[in-house]
Amino acid sequence: MEWSQPMLTYDHEHFLKKGFSFLGKVLSDEALALARQNLDRIIGELHPSLKADEIYSAHQQERWILEIACSKSLLDVIEQQIGPNIVLWSTHLICKAPQTGRPIPWHQDKPYWNTTKLAGSVWLAFDDVNHDNGTMFVLPEWHKRKDLPRRKTEDDLFNEEIASGILPADVDELEVGYFLRAGEGGVHDPFIPHRSTPNESNRWRRVLVCRYMSAEGEMGPMEYSDFRTAKPFSRKYLLVRGNDIAGKGLERV
C-alpha cells in the first residue's frame, strides 16, 4: 500500500524563510482509514503505566508507521532540505484524548536532541485538528534565531519554556496554527518556537511526528518504552534513502 499521496504542496522557499510549510493532503482516504484502525488498536493495547502521547520511536514498533515515514513524497521533501542521504531517527505518536492534557508552553525542539544535521519534522494529523482539540502553533521566522534562552517552570511534564521577554509582545497575533483536516500535514524547522493547547473537545487529537537527519550527522543514544510492555529498547538509526556516507554501519530500510 502506498500511504502518501504522490504530490505534496511543500514550498521549500517558504520553509527556509518562515520555518514551516504545509504539505496539503498527505494520506489517501484509504490510508487514513487504515491508520485510524491501527491507532484504535494501539491505544487499546497501551500499557497502563504509559500515556497515549508517550509512544516514542513508533516506527520500531509498528511497520505501518515505518512505511508512512519512508513514503517517497515525504522523503522528496526531506531531500530538498538535507540532500539525498537521509536517516529516519525518530517517530512520535502524540495522541491527546478528549478532555485531557494541558498547555505546552513555547519551546524549541533542537536544544533537547543529541543529533545534528537535521531536517524539518513532519507533523501528520490523523484527526481534524484545531484550537479546541490541542493543535500546534508556530512562530514564523523565529527559527533563524537558533537556540533561544530558556527558563525553568514548575510543570512536571514540561519543566522548561522559552524565557519571558524573549518572544514578541504580539506573539498571539504572529503565531500560525496547524488547523488541518485529517490526513493533512506540515513540516517545521527544529528551531522554530512552537506551543500547543490542551484538548478541550470531545474528539481525539492524534498526530504522528517523523524526524529525519543527514547520514553525516551525530547520532546519540536514547532509550524508549515499548507501548505494549513498557520495557525499554534502544533507538535505531535507519538509512531510508541514499548512502551511509560516513560509514556508520547504518541499517538500510
C-alpha atoms as a PDB file:
ATOM      1  CA  MET A   1       0.000   0.000   0.000  1.00  0.00           C
ATOM      2  CA  GLU A   2       1.237   3.497  -0.849  1.00  0.00           C
ATOM      3  CA  TRP A   3       0.463   5.579   2.209  1.00  0.00           C
ATOM      4  CA  SER A   4       1.389   9.052   0.979  1.00  0.00           C
ATOM      5  CA  GLN A   5      -0.056  10.977  -1.940  1.00  0.00           C
ATOM      6  CA  PRO A   6       2.389  11.227  -4.875  1.00  0.00           C
ATOM      7  CA  MET A   7       2.484  15.052  -4.853  1.00  0.00           C
ATOM      8  CA  LEU A   8       2.538  17.306  -1.796  1.00  0.00           C
ATOM      9  CA  THR A   9       2.212  21.098  -1.609  1.00  0.00           C
ATOM     10  CA  TYR A  10       5.595  21.658   0.020  1.00  0.00           C
ATOM     11  CA  ASP A  11       7.098  25.112  -0.610  1.00  0.00           C
ATOM     12  CA  HIS A  12      10.831  24.979   0.074  1.00  0.00           C
ATOM     13  CA  GLU A  13      11.361  28.747  -0.135  1.00  0.00           C
ATOM     14  CA  HIS A  14       8.563  29.297   2.380  1.00  0.00           C
ATOM     15  CA  PHE A  15      10.132  26.678   4.657  1.00  0.00           C
ATOM     16  CA  LEU A  16      13.515  28.426   4.538  1.00  0.00           C
ATOM     17  CA  LYS A  17      12.015  31.869   5.128  1.00  0.00           C
ATOM     18  CA  LYS A  18       9.215  31.124   7.587  1.00  0.00           C
ATOM     19  CA  GLY A  19      10.458  27.914   9.212  1.00  0.00           C
ATOM     20  CA  PHE A  20       7.497  25.755   8.210  1.00  0.00           C
ATOM     21  CA  SER A  21       5.439  24.679   5.217  1.00  0.00           C
ATOM     22  CA  PHE A  22       2.088  22.969   4.947  1.00  0.00           C
ATOM     23  CA  LEU A  23       2.051  19.795   2.869  1.00  0.00           C
ATOM     24  CA  GLY A  24      -1.625  19.578   1.987  1.00  0.00           C
ATOM     25  CA  LYS A  25      -3.257  16.154   1.905  1.00  0.00           C
ATOM     26  CA  VAL A  26      -0.618  13.543   2.690  1.00  0.00           C
ATOM     27  CA  LEU A  27      -2.677  10.387   3.272  1.00  0.00           C
ATOM     28  CA  SER A  28      -5.229   8.969   0.864  1.00  0.00           C
ATOM     29  CA  ASP A  29      -8.715   8.261   2.222  1.00  0.00           C
ATOM     30  CA  GLU A  30      -7.933   4.536   2.263  1.00  0.00           C
ATOM     31  CA  ALA A  31      -4.631   5.070   4.071  1.00  0.00           C
ATOM     32  CA  LEU A  32      -6.236   7.372   6.629  1.00  0.00           C
ATOM     33  CA  ALA A  33      -8.969   4.853   7.424  1.00  0.00           C
ATOM     34  CA  LEU A  34      -6.409   2.089   7.961  1.00  0.00           C
ATOM     35  CA  ALA A  35      -4.228   4.361  10.086  1.00  0.00           C
ATOM     36  CA  ARG A  36      -7.175   5.181  12.350  1.00  0.00           C
ATOM     37  CA  GLN A  37      -7.948   1.490  12.796  1.00  0.00           C
ATOM     38  CA  ASN A  38      -4.333   0.903  13.772  1.00  0.00           C
ATOM     39  CA  LEU A  39      -4.397   3.816  16.206  1.00  0.00           C
ATOM     40  CA  ASP A  40      -7.534   2.485  17.902  1.00  0.00           C
ATOM     41  CA  ARG A  41      -5.749  -0.849  18.324  1.00  0.00           C
ATOM     42  CA  ILE A  42      -2.562   0.759  19.678  1.00  0.00           C
ATOM     43  CA  ILE A  43      -4.438   2.854  22.218  1.00  0.00           C
ATOM     44  CA  GLY A  44      -6.341  -0.271  23.302  1.00  0.00           C
ATOM     45  CA  GLU A  45      -3.053  -2.134  23.786  1.00  0.00           C
ATOM     46  CA  LEU A  46      -1.282   0.704  25.607  1.00  0.00           C
ATOM     47  CA  HIS A  47       0.460  -0.334  28.829  1.00  0.00           C
ATOM     48  CA  PRO A  48      -1.268   1.114  31.941  1.00  0.00           C
ATOM     49  CA  SER A  49       1.908   2.918  33.011  1.00  0.00           C
ATOM     50  CA  LEU A  50       2.106   4.907  29.763  1.00  0.00           C
ATOM     51  CA  LYS A  51       0.062   7.705  28.277  1.00  0.00           C
ATOM     52  CA  ALA A  52      -1.200   7.966  24.721  1.00  0.00           C
ATOM     53  CA  ASP A  53       1.146  10.866  23.991  1.00  0.00           C
ATOM     54  CA  GLU A  54       4.209   8.846  25.089  1.00  0.00           C
ATOM     55  CA  ILE A  55       4.574   6.438  22.163  1.00  0.00           C
ATOM     56  CA  TYR A  56       8.144   7.143  21.023  1.00  0.00           C
ATOM     57  CA  SER A  57      10.060   5.573  18.142  1.00  0.00           C
ATOM     58  CA  ALA A  58       6.764   4.194  16.924  1.00  0.00           C
ATOM     59  CA  HIS A  59       8.313   3.053  13.629  1.00  0.00           C
ATOM     60  CA  GLN A  60      10.408   0.495  15.521  1.00  0.00           C
ATOM     61  CA  GLN A  61       7.214  -0.998  16.945  1.00  0.00           C
ATOM     62  CA  GLU A  62       4.697  -0.684  14.093  1.00  0.00           C
ATOM     63  CA  ARG A  63       5.575  -1.465  10.467  1.00  0.00           C
ATOM     64  CA  TRP A  64       2.851   0.778   9.026  1.00  0.00           C
ATOM     65  CA  ILE A  65       4.374   3.829  10.696  1.00  0.00           C
ATOM     66  CA  LEU A  66       7.756   2.999   9.196  1.00  0.00           C
ATOM     67  CA  GLU A  67       6.077   2.737   5.792  1.00  0.00           C
ATOM     68  CA  ILE A  68       4.493   6.184   6.183  1.00  0.00           C
ATOM     69  CA  ALA A  69       7.809   7.711   7.261  1.00  0.00           C
ATOM     70  CA  CYS A  70       9.525   6.155   4.218  1.00  0.00           C
ATOM     71  CA  SER A  71       6.924   7.368   1.718  1.00  0.00           C
ATOM     72  CA  LYS A  72       8.557   8.660  -1.440  1.00  0.00           C
ATOM     73  CA  SER A  73       6.780  12.015  -1.411  1.00  0.00           C
ATOM     74  CA  LEU A  74       7.823  12.717   2.198  1.00  0.00           C
ATOM     75  CA  LEU A  75      11.425  11.762   1.503  1.00  0.00           C
ATOM     76  CA  ASP A  76      11.360  14.025  -1.576  1.00  0.00           C
ATOM     77  CA  VAL A  77      10.506  16.910   0.779  1.00  0.00           C
ATOM     78  CA  ILE A  78      13.290  15.994   3.181  1.00  0.00           C
ATOM     79  CA  GLU A  79      15.833  15.625   0.385  1.00  0.00           C
ATOM     80  CA  GLN A  80      15.291  19.256  -0.594  1.00  0.00           C
ATOM     81  CA  GLN A  81      16.370  20.220   2.915  1.00  0.00           C
ATOM     82  CA  ILE A  82      19.360  17.985   3.687  1.00  0.00           C
ATOM     83  CA  GLY A  83      20.312  16.180   0.493  1.00  0.00           C
ATOM     84  CA  PRO A  84      19.940  12.578  -0.675  1.00  0.00           C
ATOM     85  CA  ASN A  85      21.446  10.637   2.257  1.00  0.00           C
ATOM     86  CA  ILE A  86      18.540  10.500   4.696  1.00  0.00           C
ATOM     87  CA  VAL A  87      18.248   8.808   8.084  1.00  0.00           C
ATOM     88  CA  LEU A  88      14.998   8.330   9.977  1.00  0.00           C
ATOM     89  CA  TRP A  89      15.864   8.757  13.642  1.00  0.00           C
ATOM     90  CA  SER A  90      12.573   9.421  15.433  1.00  0.00           C
ATOM     91  CA  THR A  91       8.834   8.999  15.196  1.00  0.00           C
ATOM     92  CA  HIS A  92       6.430  10.036  17.924  1.00  0.00           C
ATOM     93  CA  LEU A  93       2.721   9.359  18.248  1.00  0.00           C
ATOM     94  CA  ILE A  94       1.261  12.274  20.204  1.00  0.00           C
ATOM     95  CA  CYS A  95      -2.329  11.333  20.991  1.00  0.00           C
ATOM     96  CA  LYS A  96      -4.406  13.666  23.173  1.00  0.00           C
ATOM     97  CA  ALA A  97      -7.579  12.005  24.413  1.00  0.00           C
ATOM     98  CA  PRO A  98     -10.796  14.044  24.621  1.00  0.00           C
ATOM     99  CA  GLN A  99     -10.967  16.462  27.540  1.00  0.00           C
ATOM    100  CA  THR A 100      -7.362  15.835  28.574  1.00  0.00           C
ATOM    101  CA  GLY A 101      -3.984  17.435  28.536  1.00  0.00           C
ATOM    102  CA  ARG A 102      -2.506  20.746  29.492  1.00  0.00           C
ATOM    103  CA  PRO A 103      -0.979  23.658  27.575  1.00  0.00           C
ATOM    104  CA  ILE A 104       2.522  23.001  26.241  1.00  0.00           C
ATOM    105  CA  PRO A 105       4.491  26.263  26.527  1.00  0.00           C
ATOM    106  CA  TRP A 106       6.593  27.946  23.855  1.00  0.00           C
ATOM    107  CA  HIS A 107       9.713  25.889  23.265  1.00  0.00           C
ATOM    108  CA  GLN A 108      12.128  24.665  20.601  1.00  0.00           C
ATOM    109  CA  ASP A 109      12.934  21.021  19.892  1.00  0.00           C
ATOM    110  CA  LYS A 110      16.560  21.034  18.781  1.00  0.00           C
ATOM    111  CA  PRO A 111      18.149  22.028  22.133  1.00  0.00           C
ATOM    112  CA  TYR A 112      16.900  18.760  23.651  1.00  0.00           C
ATOM    113  CA  TRP A 113      18.194  16.403  20.947  1.00  0.00           C
ATOM    114  CA  ASN A 114      21.601  14.670  20.729  1.00  0.00           C
ATOM    115  CA  THR A 115      21.539  14.703  16.925  1.00  0.00           C
ATOM    116  CA  THR A 116      22.805  17.107  14.256  1.00  0.00           C
ATOM    117  CA  LYS A 117      22.329  17.939  10.565  1.00  0.00           C
ATOM    118  CA  LEU A 118      18.571  17.747  10.960  1.00  0.00           C
ATOM    119  CA  ALA A 119      15.740  18.176   8.511  1.00  0.00           C
ATOM    120  CA  GLY A 120      12.345  19.585   9.429  1.00  0.00           C
ATOM    121  CA  SER A 121       9.914  17.489  11.440  1.00  0.00           C
ATOM    122  CA  VAL A 122       6.900  16.172   9.533  1.00  0.00           C
ATOM    123  CA  TRP A 123       3.673  16.683  11.537  1.00  0.00           C
ATOM    124  CA  LEU A 124       0.852  14.474  10.264  1.00  0.00           C
ATOM    125  CA  ALA A 125      -2.723  14.716  11.572  1.00  0.00           C
ATOM    126  CA  PHE A 126      -4.911  11.607  11.820  1.00  0.00           C
ATOM    127  CA  ASP A 127      -7.852  13.680  13.087  1.00  0.00           C
ATOM    128  CA  ASP A 128      -9.130  17.144  12.232  1.00  0.00           C
ATOM    129  CA  VAL A 129      -7.095  19.484  14.439  1.00  0.00           C
ATOM    130  CA  ASN A 130      -7.820  22.999  15.661  1.00  0.00           C
ATOM    131  CA  HIS A 131      -7.537  25.113  18.795  1.00  0.00           C
ATOM    132  CA  ASP A 132     -10.250  23.154  20.628  1.00  0.00           C
ATOM    133  CA  ASN A 133      -8.568  19.753  20.484  1.00  0.00           C
ATOM    134  CA  GLY A 134      -4.993  20.831  21.048  1.00  0.00           C
ATOM    135  CA  THR A 135      -3.288  21.680  17.782  1.00  0.00           C
ATOM    136  CA  MET A 136       0.182  23.210  17.438  1.00  0.00           C
ATOM    137  CA  PHE A 137       1.098  26.859  16.862  1.00  0.00           C
ATOM    138  CA  VAL A 138       4.410  28.011  15.378  1.00  0.00           C
ATOM    139  CA  LEU A 139       6.120  31.415  15.359  1.00  0.00           C
ATOM    140  CA  PRO A 140       7.189  32.182  11.778  1.00  0.00           C
ATOM    141  CA  GLU A 141      10.787  33.236  11.030  1.00  0.00           C
ATOM    142  CA  TRP A 142      11.991  32.743  14.591  1.00  0.00           C
ATOM    143  CA  HIS A 143      13.849  29.563  13.619  1.00  0.00           C
ATOM    144  CA  LYS A 144      16.570  31.881  12.306  1.00  0.00           C
ATOM    145  CA  ARG A 145      17.432  32.928  15.877  1.00  0.00           C
ATOM    146  CA  LYS A 146      18.561  29.358  16.674  1.00  0.00           C
ATOM    147  CA  ASP A 147      18.884  28.415  20.358  1.00  0.00           C
ATOM    148  CA  LEU A 148      16.810  30.828  22.476  1.00  0.00           C
ATOM    149  CA  PRO A 149      17.288  31.328  26.247  1.00  0.00           C
ATOM    150  CA  ARG A 150      15.111  29.109  28.446  1.00  0.00           C
ATOM    151  CA  ARG A 151      13.792  29.224  31.991  1.00  0.00           C
ATOM    152  CA  LYS A 152      12.615  26.524  34.367  1.00  0.00           C
ATOM    153  CA  THR A 153       8.933  26.020  35.153  1.00  0.00           C
ATOM    154  CA  GLU A 154       7.119  24.147  37.925  1.00  0.00           C
ATOM    155  CA  ASP A 155       5.359  21.873  35.450  1.00  0.00           C
ATOM    156  CA  ASP A 156       6.225  18.200  35.987  1.00  0.00           C
ATOM    157  CA  LEU A 157       5.501  17.394  32.343  1.00  0.00           C
ATOM    158  CA  PHE A 158       7.324  20.218  30.583  1.00  0.00           C
ATOM    159  CA  ASN A 159       9.702  21.872  33.008  1.00  0.00           C
ATOM    160  CA  GLU A 160      11.253  24.447  30.648  1.00  0.00           C
ATOM    161  CA  GLU A 161       9.979  27.144  28.337  1.00  0.00           C
ATOM    162  CA  ILE A 162      11.435  29.991  26.307  1.00  0.00           C
ATOM    163  CA  ALA A 163      12.428  32.708  28.781  1.00  0.00           C
ATOM    164  CA  SER A 164       9.983  35.529  29.423  1.00  0.00           C
ATOM    165  CA  GLY A 165      10.646  38.692  27.456  1.00  0.00           C
ATOM    166  CA  ILE A 166      12.296  36.861  24.550  1.00  0.00           C
ATOM    167  CA  LEU A 167       9.224  36.374  22.373  1.00  0.00           C
ATOM    168  CA  PRO A 168       7.495  39.405  20.809  1.00  0.00           C
ATOM    169  CA  ALA A 169       4.693  41.108  22.721  1.00  0.00           C
ATOM    170  CA  ASP A 170       2.285  40.431  19.861  1.00  0.00           C
ATOM    171  CA  VAL A 171       3.116  36.737  19.626  1.00  0.00           C
ATOM    172  CA  ASP A 172      -0.597  35.857  19.731  1.00  0.00           C
ATOM    173  CA  GLU A 173      -1.086  37.807  16.507  1.00  0.00           C
ATOM    174  CA  LEU A 174       2.021  36.430  14.780  1.00  0.00           C
ATOM    175  CA  GLU A 175       1.597  32.734  15.567  1.00  0.00           C
ATOM    176  CA  VAL A 176       0.269  30.353  12.932  1.00  0.00           C
ATOM    177  CA  GLY A 177      -1.947  27.438  13.915  1.00  0.00           C
ATOM    178  CA  TYR A 178      -1.819  23.998  12.356  1.00  0.00           C
ATOM    179  CA  PHE A 179      -5.522  23.914  11.534  1.00  0.00           C
ATOM    180  CA  LEU A 180      -5.517  20.734   9.474  1.00  0.00           C
ATOM    181  CA  ARG A 181      -8.016  18.208   8.204  1.00  0.00           C
ATOM    182  CA  ALA A 182      -7.377  14.558   8.954  1.00  0.00           C
ATOM    183  CA  GLY A 183      -4.730  13.230   6.581  1.00  0.00           C
ATOM    184  CA  GLU A 184      -3.065  16.617   6.081  1.00  0.00           C
ATOM    185  CA  GLY A 185       0.377  17.577   7.338  1.00  0.00           C
ATOM    186  CA  GLY A 186       3.108  20.148   7.668  1.00  0.00           C
ATOM    187  CA  VAL A 187       6.851  20.304   8.220  1.00  0.00           C
ATOM    188  CA  HIS A 188       8.642  22.639  10.639  1.00  0.00           C
ATOM    189  CA  ASP A 189      12.243  23.557  11.410  1.00  0.00           C
ATOM    190  CA  PRO A 190      13.739  22.034  14.603  1.00  0.00           C
ATOM    191  CA  PHE A 191      14.479  25.534  15.921  1.00  0.00           C
ATOM    192  CA  ILE A 192      11.065  27.124  15.324  1.00  0.00           C
ATOM    193  CA  PRO A 193       9.309  28.088  18.586  1.00  0.00           C
ATOM    194  CA  HIS A 194       6.015  26.267  18.973  1.00  0.00           C
ATOM    195  CA  ARG A 195       3.333  25.523  21.539  1.00  0.00           C
ATOM    196  CA  SER A 196       0.094  23.568  21.783  1.00  0.00           C
ATOM    197  CA  THR A 197      -3.196  23.807  23.622  1.00  0.00           C
ATOM    198  CA  PRO A 198      -4.942  21.151  25.742  1.00  0.00           C
ATOM    199  CA  ASN A 199      -7.684  19.042  24.198  1.00  0.00           C
ATOM    200  CA  GLU A 200     -10.875  20.652  25.487  1.00  0.00           C
ATOM    201  CA  SER A 201     -13.094  18.936  22.924  1.00  0.00           C
ATOM    202  CA  ASN A 202     -14.872  15.592  22.805  1.00  0.00           C
ATOM    203  CA  ARG A 203     -12.624  14.462  19.931  1.00  0.00           C
ATOM    204  CA  TRP A 204      -9.200  12.816  19.838  1.00  0.00           C
ATOM    205  CA  ARG A 205      -6.169  14.696  18.567  1.00  0.00           C
ATOM    206  CA  ARG A 206      -3.861  12.032  17.145  1.00  0.00           C
ATOM    207  CA  VAL A 207      -0.680  13.128  15.403  1.00  0.00           C
ATOM    208  CA  LEU A 208       2.422  11.405  14.071  1.00  0.00           C
ATOM    209  CA  VAL A 209       5.707  13.333  14.048  1.00  0.00           C
ATOM    210  CA  CYS A 210       8.501  11.962  11.822  1.00  0.00           C
ATOM    211  CA  ARG A 211      12.045  13.271  12.214  1.00  0.00           C
ATOM    212  CA  TYR A 212      14.955  12.917   9.807  1.00  0.00           C
ATOM    213  CA  MET A 213      18.632  13.799   9.590  1.00  0.00           C
ATOM    214  CA  SER A 214      21.568  13.583   7.214  1.00  0.00           C
ATOM    215  CA  ALA A 215      23.647  10.400   7.317  1.00  0.00           C
ATOM    216  CA  GLU A 216      26.601  12.693   8.133  1.00  0.00           C
ATOM    217  CA  GLY A 217      25.098  13.884  11.424  1.00  0.00           C
ATOM    218  CA  GLU A 218      25.857  12.949  15.015  1.00  0.00           C
ATOM    219  CA  MET A 219      23.685  10.102  16.291  1.00  0.00           C
ATOM    220  CA  GLY A 220      23.392   9.974  20.058  1.00  0.00           C
ATOM    221  CA  PRO A 221      21.859   7.080  22.023  1.00  0.00           C
ATOM    222  CA  MET A 222      18.407   7.055  23.590  1.00  0.00           C
ATOM    223  CA  GLU A 223      16.076   4.525  25.182  1.00  0.00           C
ATOM    224  CA  TYR A 224      12.300   4.390  24.831  1.00  0.00           C
ATOM    225  CA  SER A 225       9.496   2.235  26.247  1.00  0.00           C
ATOM    226  CA  ASP A 226       7.589  -0.391  24.281  1.00  0.00           C
ATOM    227  CA  PHE A 227       3.993   0.820  24.235  1.00  0.00           C
ATOM    228  CA  ARG A 228       2.622  -2.664  24.974  1.00  0.00           C
ATOM    229  CA  THR A 229       5.026  -3.851  27.693  1.00  0.00           C
ATOM    230  CA  ALA A 230       6.711  -0.647  28.916  1.00  0.00           C
ATOM    231  CA  LYS A 231      10.048  -2.465  28.547  1.00  0.00           C
ATOM    232  CA  PRO A 232      12.967  -0.318  27.328  1.00  0.00           C
ATOM    233  CA  PHE A 233      14.541  -0.565  23.896  1.00  0.00           C
ATOM    234  CA  SER A 234      17.274   1.423  22.170  1.00  0.00           C
ATOM    235  CA  ARG A 235      16.873   3.972  19.421  1.00  0.00           C
ATOM    236  CA  LYS A 236      17.825   2.716  15.970  1.00  0.00           C
ATOM    237  CA  TYR A 237      19.015   4.972  13.150  1.00  0.00           C
ATOM    238  CA  LEU A 238      17.674   3.787   9.794  1.00  0.00           C
ATOM    239  CA  LEU A 239      19.016   4.741   6.369  1.00  0.00           C
ATOM    240  CA  VAL A 240      15.862   5.388   4.346  1.00  0.00           C
ATOM    241  CA  ARG A 241      17.398   6.992   1.229  1.00  0.00           C
ATOM    242  CA  GLY A 242      20.876   7.359  -0.247  1.00  0.00           C
ATOM    243  CA  ASN A 243      24.132   6.069   1.173  1.00  0.00           C
ATOM    244  CA  ASP A 244      25.860   5.556   4.512  1.00  0.00           C
ATOM    245  CA  ILE A 245      28.437   8.158   3.522  1.00  0.00           C
ATOM    246  CA  ALA A 246      30.038   8.383   6.967  1.00  0.00           C
ATOM    247  CA  GLY A 247      30.479   4.619   7.226  1.00  0.00           C
ATOM    248  CA  LYS A 248      28.461   4.228  10.448  1.00  0.00           C
ATOM    249  CA  GLY A 249      27.089   0.808   9.588  1.00  0.00           C
ATOM    250  CA  LEU A 250      23.544   2.092   9.300  1.00  0.00           C
ATOM    251  CA  GLU A 251      20.743  -0.395   8.740  1.00  0.00           C
ATOM    252  CA  ARG A 252      19.097   0.236   5.382  1.00  0.00           C
ATOM    253  CA  VAL A 253      15.322   0.124   5.015  1.00  0.00           C
END
